[in-house]
Amino acid sequence: MSLKNIVQGYSNSALNKAGILSEDKAHKAEERMNICRGCDTFIVLSMVCDKSKGGCGCHMDKKVYAMNASCPKQKW
């Protein structure tokens, strides 16, 4: 994931926690997170997409907020 996407993911996550992220972005992130929760590469305790199983290795609780990021398994 690019540095730009990392910054955007963390920023949008913080904005969402503060209740000021736009509704469409918050909804998109929520949809993505639901997909991740159902994936076999997702590690619930660490919120990481397991690279050893073909995932990206990212912290998904932040990556889902990077609007230009994508899933390496093409699920979103």
C-alpha atoms as a PDB file:
ATOM      1  CA  MET A   1       0.000   0.000   0.000  1.00  0.00           C
ATOM      2  CA  SER A   2       1.310   3.446  -0.864  1.00  0.00           C
ATOM      3  CA  LEU A   3       2.226   6.039   1.754  1.00  0.00           C
ATOM      4  CA  LYS A   4      -0.639   8.195   0.488  1.00  0.00           C
ATOM      5  CA  ASN A   5      -3.116   5.366   1.123  1.00  0.00           C
ATOM      6  CA  ILE A   6      -1.655   4.695   4.574  1.00  0.00           C
ATOM      7  CA  VAL A   7      -2.045   8.344   5.580  1.00  0.00           C
ATOM      8  CA  GLN A   8      -5.554   8.485   4.144  1.00  0.00           C
ATOM      9  CA  GLY A   9      -6.558   5.260   5.919  1.00  0.00           C
ATOM     10  CA  TYR A  10      -5.394   6.464   9.322  1.00  0.00           C
ATOM     11  CA  SER A  11      -6.844   9.957   8.777  1.00  0.00           C
ATOM     12  CA  ASN A  12     -10.245   8.729   7.646  1.00  0.00           C
ATOM     13  CA  SER A  13     -10.355   6.208  10.491  1.00  0.00           C
ATOM     14  CA  ALA A  14      -9.753   9.031  12.980  1.00  0.00           C
ATOM     15  CA  LEU A  15     -12.376  11.212  11.292  1.00  0.00           C
ATOM     16  CA  ASN A  16     -14.855   8.354  11.515  1.00  0.00           C
ATOM     17  CA  LYS A  17     -14.160   7.867  15.230  1.00  0.00           C
ATOM     18  CA  ALA A  18     -14.763  11.599  15.702  1.00  0.00           C
ATOM     19  CA  GLY A  19     -18.049  11.271  13.811  1.00  0.00           C
ATOM     20  CA  ILE A  20     -17.099  13.652  11.022  1.00  0.00           C
ATOM     21  CA  LEU A  21     -16.230  11.320   8.135  1.00  0.00           C
ATOM     22  CA  SER A  22     -18.678  11.575   5.252  1.00  0.00           C
ATOM     23  CA  GLU A  23     -21.458   9.026   5.355  1.00  0.00           C
ATOM     24  CA  ASP A  24     -20.549   7.504   1.984  1.00  0.00           C
ATOM     25  CA  LYS A  25     -16.912   6.911   2.994  1.00  0.00           C
ATOM     26  CA  ALA A  26     -17.931   5.463   6.355  1.00  0.00           C
ATOM     27  CA  HIS A  27     -20.400   3.136   4.631  1.00  0.00           C
ATOM     28  CA  LYS A  28     -17.806   2.013   2.079  1.00  0.00           C
ATOM     29  CA  ALA A  29     -15.288   1.267   4.856  1.00  0.00           C
ATOM     30  CA  GLU A  30     -17.912  -0.678   6.811  1.00  0.00           C
ATOM     31  CA  GLU A  31     -18.810  -2.769   3.747  1.00  0.00           C
ATOM     32  CA  ARG A  32     -15.124  -3.517   3.118  1.00  0.00           C
ATOM     33  CA  MET A  33     -14.548  -4.503   6.758  1.00  0.00           C
ATOM     34  CA  ASN A  34     -17.500  -6.903   6.638  1.00  0.00           C
ATOM     35  CA  ILE A  35     -15.970  -8.570   3.580  1.00  0.00           C
ATOM     36  CA  CYS A  36     -12.615  -8.845   5.370  1.00  0.00           C
ATOM     37  CA  ARG A  37     -14.211 -10.424   8.446  1.00  0.00           C
ATOM     38  CA  GLY A  38     -15.505 -13.236   6.236  1.00  0.00           C
ATOM     39  CA  CYS A  39     -12.163 -13.857   4.518  1.00  0.00           C
ATOM     40  CA  ASP A  40      -9.863 -16.770   5.355  1.00  0.00           C
ATOM     41  CA  THR A  41      -6.802 -14.480   5.368  1.00  0.00           C
ATOM     42  CA  PHE A  42      -8.193 -12.131   8.036  1.00  0.00           C
ATOM     43  CA  ILE A  43      -6.784 -12.465  11.563  1.00  0.00           C
ATOM     44  CA  VAL A  44      -9.447 -11.145  13.945  1.00  0.00           C
ATOM     45  CA  LEU A  45      -7.261 -10.503  16.992  1.00  0.00           C
ATOM     46  CA  SER A  46      -4.723  -8.346  15.159  1.00  0.00           C
ATOM     47  CA  MET A  47      -7.056  -7.041  12.401  1.00  0.00           C
ATOM     48  CA  VAL A  48      -4.352  -7.990   9.863  1.00  0.00           C
ATOM     49  CA  CYS A  49      -4.716  -9.616   6.454  1.00  0.00           C
ATOM     50  CA  ASP A  50      -2.369 -12.625   6.721  1.00  0.00           C
ATOM     51  CA  LYS A  51       0.369 -12.333   4.118  1.00  0.00           C
ATOM     52  CA  SER A  52       1.346 -16.000   4.514  1.00  0.00           C
ATOM     53  CA  LYS A  53      -2.118 -16.948   3.196  1.00  0.00           C
ATOM     54  CA  GLY A  54      -1.995 -14.637   0.179  1.00  0.00           C
ATOM     55  CA  GLY A  55      -3.190 -11.502   1.944  1.00  0.00           C
ATOM     56  CA  CYS A  56      -1.578  -8.079   1.897  1.00  0.00           C
ATOM     57  CA  GLY A  57      -0.241  -7.929   5.473  1.00  0.00           C
ATOM     58  CA  CYS A  58      -2.042  -4.658   6.149  1.00  0.00           C
ATOM     59  CA  HIS A  59      -3.961  -3.547   9.220  1.00  0.00           C
ATOM     60  CA  MET A  60      -7.420  -3.769   7.758  1.00  0.00           C
ATOM     61  CA  ASP A  61      -9.101  -1.571  10.348  1.00  0.00           C
ATOM     62  CA  LYS A  62      -7.181   1.274   8.694  1.00  0.00           C
ATOM     63  CA  LYS A  63      -6.817   0.079   5.084  1.00  0.00           C
ATOM     64  CA  VAL A  64     -10.587  -0.094   4.565  1.00  0.00           C
ATOM     65  CA  TYR A  65     -10.635   3.704   5.037  1.00  0.00           C
ATOM     66  CA  ALA A  66      -8.118   4.316   2.224  1.00  0.00           C
ATOM     67  CA  MET A  67     -10.602   4.936  -0.559  1.00  0.00           C
ATOM     68  CA  ASN A  68      -8.170   4.132  -3.411  1.00  0.00           C
ATOM     69  CA  ALA A  69      -6.777   0.971  -1.795  1.00  0.00           C
ATOM     70  CA  SER A  70      -7.857  -2.467  -2.958  1.00  0.00           C
ATOM     71  CA  CYS A  71      -7.927  -6.043  -1.759  1.00  0.00           C
ATOM     72  CA  PRO A  72      -5.137  -8.263  -3.155  1.00  0.00           C
ATOM     73  CA  LYS A  73      -7.718 -11.041  -3.518  1.00  0.00           C
ATOM     74  CA  GLN A  74      -9.969  -8.657  -5.487  1.00  0.00           C
ATOM     75  CA  LYS A  75     -12.840  -8.964  -3.001  1.00  0.00           C
ATOM     76  CA  TRP A  76     -13.262  -5.171  -2.885  1.00  0.00           C
END
